[in-house]
Amino acid sequence: MAKESIEKLRERSRDDLFKELLKEKQNLQQMRFDLARGKVNNSAAVRNSKKRIARLASLEKEKSGAEVIMKQENE
């Protein structure tokens, strides 16, 4: 999996980020099971997945905070 730049992720909508976050969490869970069973040789993939989850969660939270601020300004 190639790294996506933060700029490309910021262009995506909050819903897309949330869907991608859920998908990545499921992927991480599956990798952990496979790692425990000895099916995964690349343990760095688990670390990279955790980093991607953190990025996606941060950006999703950033976007939701921006929406709250925009709603408050409109009131």
N, C-alpha and C. Protein backbone atom coordinates (compact mmCIF):
# COMPACT_ATOMS: atom_id res chain seq x y z
N MET A 1 0.85 -1.17 0.00
CA MET A 1 0.00 0.00 0.00
C MET A 1 0.89 1.24 0.00
N ALA A 2 0.69 2.07 -0.97
CA ALA A 2 1.46 3.30 -1.05
C ALA A 2 0.91 4.34 -0.07
N LYS A 3 1.81 5.12 0.48
CA LYS A 3 1.38 6.16 1.41
C LYS A 3 0.64 7.26 0.66
N GLU A 4 -0.46 7.69 1.23
CA GLU A 4 -1.18 8.82 0.69
C GLU A 4 -0.68 10.07 1.40
N SER A 5 -0.60 11.13 0.66
CA SER A 5 -0.16 12.36 1.30
C SER A 5 -1.31 12.95 2.11
N ILE A 6 -0.95 13.71 3.11
CA ILE A 6 -1.94 14.35 3.97
C ILE A 6 -2.83 15.28 3.14
N GLU A 7 -2.25 15.93 2.16
CA GLU A 7 -3.04 16.85 1.33
C GLU A 7 -4.15 16.11 0.59
N LYS A 8 -3.83 14.92 0.07
CA LYS A 8 -4.85 14.14 -0.64
C LYS A 8 -5.94 13.68 0.32
N LEU A 9 -5.55 13.31 1.53
CA LEU A 9 -6.54 12.88 2.50
C LEU A 9 -7.41 14.04 2.95
N ARG A 10 -6.84 15.22 3.06
CA ARG A 10 -7.62 16.40 3.48
C ARG A 10 -8.67 16.79 2.45
N GLU A 11 -8.45 16.45 1.20
CA GLU A 11 -9.41 16.78 0.14
C GLU A 11 -10.65 15.90 0.22
N ARG A 12 -10.55 14.76 0.87
CA ARG A 12 -11.67 13.83 0.95
C ARG A 12 -12.71 14.31 1.95
N SER A 13 -13.94 13.86 1.75
CA SER A 13 -15.02 14.27 2.66
C SER A 13 -14.91 13.51 3.98
N ARG A 14 -15.63 14.03 4.96
CA ARG A 14 -15.61 13.41 6.29
C ARG A 14 -16.17 11.99 6.23
N ASP A 15 -17.22 11.78 5.45
CA ASP A 15 -17.82 10.45 5.32
C ASP A 15 -16.84 9.46 4.68
N ASP A 16 -16.13 9.91 3.66
CA ASP A 16 -15.13 9.05 3.02
C ASP A 16 -14.02 8.69 4.00
N LEU A 17 -13.58 9.65 4.79
CA LEU A 17 -12.54 9.38 5.78
C LEU A 17 -13.04 8.37 6.82
N PHE A 18 -14.28 8.53 7.24
CA PHE A 18 -14.85 7.62 8.24
C PHE A 18 -14.95 6.20 7.69
N LYS A 19 -15.40 6.06 6.45
CA LYS A 19 -15.51 4.74 5.82
C LYS A 19 -14.13 4.10 5.68
N GLU A 20 -13.17 4.88 5.27
CA GLU A 20 -11.81 4.39 5.12
C GLU A 20 -11.23 3.98 6.48
N LEU A 21 -11.54 4.74 7.51
CA LEU A 21 -11.09 4.44 8.86
C LEU A 21 -11.64 3.09 9.33
N LEU A 22 -12.92 2.85 9.12
CA LEU A 22 -13.53 1.57 9.50
C LEU A 22 -12.91 0.41 8.73
N LYS A 23 -12.69 0.63 7.44
CA LYS A 23 -12.08 -0.41 6.61
C LYS A 23 -10.67 -0.74 7.08
N GLU A 24 -9.91 0.28 7.43
CA GLU A 24 -8.53 0.09 7.88
C GLU A 24 -8.49 -0.60 9.25
N LYS A 25 -9.46 -0.31 10.12
CA LYS A 25 -9.52 -0.97 11.42
C LYS A 25 -9.81 -2.47 11.25
N GLN A 26 -10.70 -2.79 10.32
CA GLN A 26 -10.99 -4.20 10.04
C GLN A 26 -9.76 -4.90 9.46
N ASN A 27 -9.05 -4.19 8.59
CA ASN A 27 -7.84 -4.73 8.00
C ASN A 27 -6.79 -5.00 9.08
N LEU A 28 -6.64 -4.07 10.02
CA LEU A 28 -5.68 -4.24 11.11
C LEU A 28 -6.06 -5.45 11.96
N GLN A 29 -7.32 -5.60 12.27
CA GLN A 29 -7.76 -6.73 13.08
C GLN A 29 -7.42 -8.04 12.37
N GLN A 30 -7.67 -8.10 11.08
CA GLN A 30 -7.37 -9.31 10.32
C GLN A 30 -5.86 -9.57 10.29
N MET A 31 -5.06 -8.52 10.14
CA MET A 31 -3.61 -8.69 10.14
C MET A 31 -3.12 -9.20 11.49
N ARG A 32 -3.71 -8.71 12.58
CA ARG A 32 -3.32 -9.17 13.91
C ARG A 32 -3.63 -10.65 14.10
N PHE A 33 -4.79 -11.09 13.62
CA PHE A 33 -5.13 -12.51 13.70
C PHE A 33 -4.15 -13.34 12.87
N ASP A 34 -3.88 -12.88 11.66
CA ASP A 34 -2.96 -13.59 10.79
C ASP A 34 -1.54 -13.61 11.37
N LEU A 35 -1.14 -12.53 12.01
CA LEU A 35 0.18 -12.47 12.64
C LEU A 35 0.27 -13.48 13.78
N ALA A 36 -0.79 -13.59 14.57
CA ALA A 36 -0.81 -14.54 15.68
C ALA A 36 -0.77 -15.98 15.17
N ARG A 37 -1.37 -16.22 14.04
CA ARG A 37 -1.38 -17.56 13.44
C ARG A 37 -0.10 -17.87 12.69
N GLY A 38 0.72 -16.85 12.46
CA GLY A 38 1.96 -17.05 11.72
C GLY A 38 1.81 -16.95 10.22
N LYS A 39 0.71 -16.40 9.76
CA LYS A 39 0.46 -16.27 8.32
C LYS A 39 1.09 -15.02 7.73
N VAL A 40 1.41 -14.02 8.56
CA VAL A 40 1.96 -12.76 8.08
C VAL A 40 3.46 -12.73 8.35
N ASN A 41 4.22 -12.47 7.32
CA ASN A 41 5.67 -12.36 7.48
C ASN A 41 6.10 -10.91 7.69
N ASN A 42 5.28 -9.97 7.26
CA ASN A 42 5.61 -8.57 7.31
C ASN A 42 4.94 -7.91 8.52
N SER A 43 5.65 -7.92 9.64
CA SER A 43 5.07 -7.32 10.84
C SER A 43 5.04 -5.80 10.76
N ALA A 44 5.80 -5.21 9.84
CA ALA A 44 5.79 -3.76 9.66
C ALA A 44 4.45 -3.30 9.09
N ALA A 45 3.73 -4.17 8.42
CA ALA A 45 2.42 -3.81 7.87
C ALA A 45 1.45 -3.46 8.98
N VAL A 46 1.57 -4.12 10.12
CA VAL A 46 0.70 -3.83 11.27
C VAL A 46 1.00 -2.42 11.76
N ARG A 47 2.27 -2.09 11.88
CA ARG A 47 2.67 -0.76 12.35
C ARG A 47 2.20 0.31 11.36
N ASN A 48 2.35 0.06 10.07
CA ASN A 48 1.92 1.03 9.06
C ASN A 48 0.40 1.22 9.08
N SER A 49 -0.32 0.15 9.33
CA SER A 49 -1.77 0.24 9.40
C SER A 49 -2.19 1.08 10.61
N LYS A 50 -1.52 0.89 11.73
CA LYS A 50 -1.84 1.68 12.93
C LYS A 50 -1.56 3.16 12.69
N LYS A 51 -0.50 3.47 11.98
CA LYS A 51 -0.20 4.87 11.66
C LYS A 51 -1.25 5.46 10.74
N ARG A 52 -1.70 4.67 9.77
CA ARG A 52 -2.74 5.15 8.85
C ARG A 52 -4.04 5.40 9.60
N ILE A 53 -4.38 4.52 10.53
CA ILE A 53 -5.59 4.70 11.33
C ILE A 53 -5.50 6.00 12.12
N ALA A 54 -4.34 6.27 12.69
CA ALA A 54 -4.16 7.50 13.46
C ALA A 54 -4.31 8.73 12.57
N ARG A 55 -3.75 8.68 11.36
CA ARG A 55 -3.89 9.80 10.43
C ARG A 55 -5.34 10.03 10.06
N LEU A 56 -6.03 8.95 9.70
CA LEU A 56 -7.42 9.07 9.30
C LEU A 56 -8.29 9.57 10.44
N ALA A 57 -8.06 9.07 11.64
CA ALA A 57 -8.85 9.50 12.80
C ALA A 57 -8.61 10.98 13.09
N SER A 58 -7.36 11.41 12.98
CA SER A 58 -7.04 12.81 13.24
C SER A 58 -7.72 13.73 12.23
N LEU A 59 -7.66 13.35 10.96
CA LEU A 59 -8.27 14.18 9.92
C LEU A 59 -9.79 14.18 10.03
N GLU A 60 -10.37 13.03 10.38
CA GLU A 60 -11.82 12.96 10.53
C GLU A 60 -12.27 13.83 11.70
N LYS A 61 -11.52 13.80 12.78
CA LYS A 61 -11.84 14.64 13.93
C LYS A 61 -11.64 16.12 13.60
N GLU A 62 -10.60 16.42 12.83
CA GLU A 62 -10.34 17.80 12.41
C GLU A 62 -11.51 18.33 11.59
N LYS A 63 -12.01 17.50 10.67
CA LYS A 63 -13.13 17.93 9.84
C LYS A 63 -14.41 18.08 10.65
N SER A 64 -14.64 17.20 11.62
CA SER A 64 -15.85 17.32 12.42
C SER A 64 -15.78 18.57 13.30
N GLY A 65 -14.61 18.91 13.80
CA GLY A 65 -14.44 20.13 14.58
C GLY A 65 -14.68 21.37 13.74
N ALA A 66 -14.24 21.33 12.50
CA ALA A 66 -14.45 22.46 11.60
C ALA A 66 -15.94 22.63 11.31
N GLU A 67 -16.68 21.53 11.21
CA GLU A 67 -18.11 21.62 10.95
C GLU A 67 -18.83 22.24 12.14
N VAL A 68 -18.42 21.91 13.34
CA VAL A 68 -19.04 22.46 14.54
C VAL A 68 -18.81 23.97 14.60
N ILE A 69 -17.60 24.40 14.29
CA ILE A 69 -17.27 25.82 14.30
C ILE A 69 -18.10 26.56 13.25
N MET A 70 -18.23 25.96 12.07
CA MET A 70 -19.01 26.60 11.00
C MET A 70 -20.46 26.73 11.42
N LYS A 71 -21.03 25.72 12.09
CA LYS A 71 -22.42 25.79 12.53
C LYS A 71 -22.60 26.87 13.58
N GLN A 72 -21.64 27.00 14.48
CA GLN A 72 -21.73 28.01 15.52
C GLN A 72 -21.63 29.42 14.94
N GLU A 73 -20.84 29.60 13.92
CA GLU A 73 -20.71 30.91 13.29
C GLU A 73 -21.98 31.30 12.57
N ASN A 74 -22.72 30.32 12.03
CA ASN A 74 -23.94 30.60 11.30
C ASN A 74 -25.12 30.91 12.21
N GLU A 75 -25.03 30.56 13.46
CA GLU A 75 -26.15 30.80 14.38
C GLU A 75 -26.20 32.19 14.87
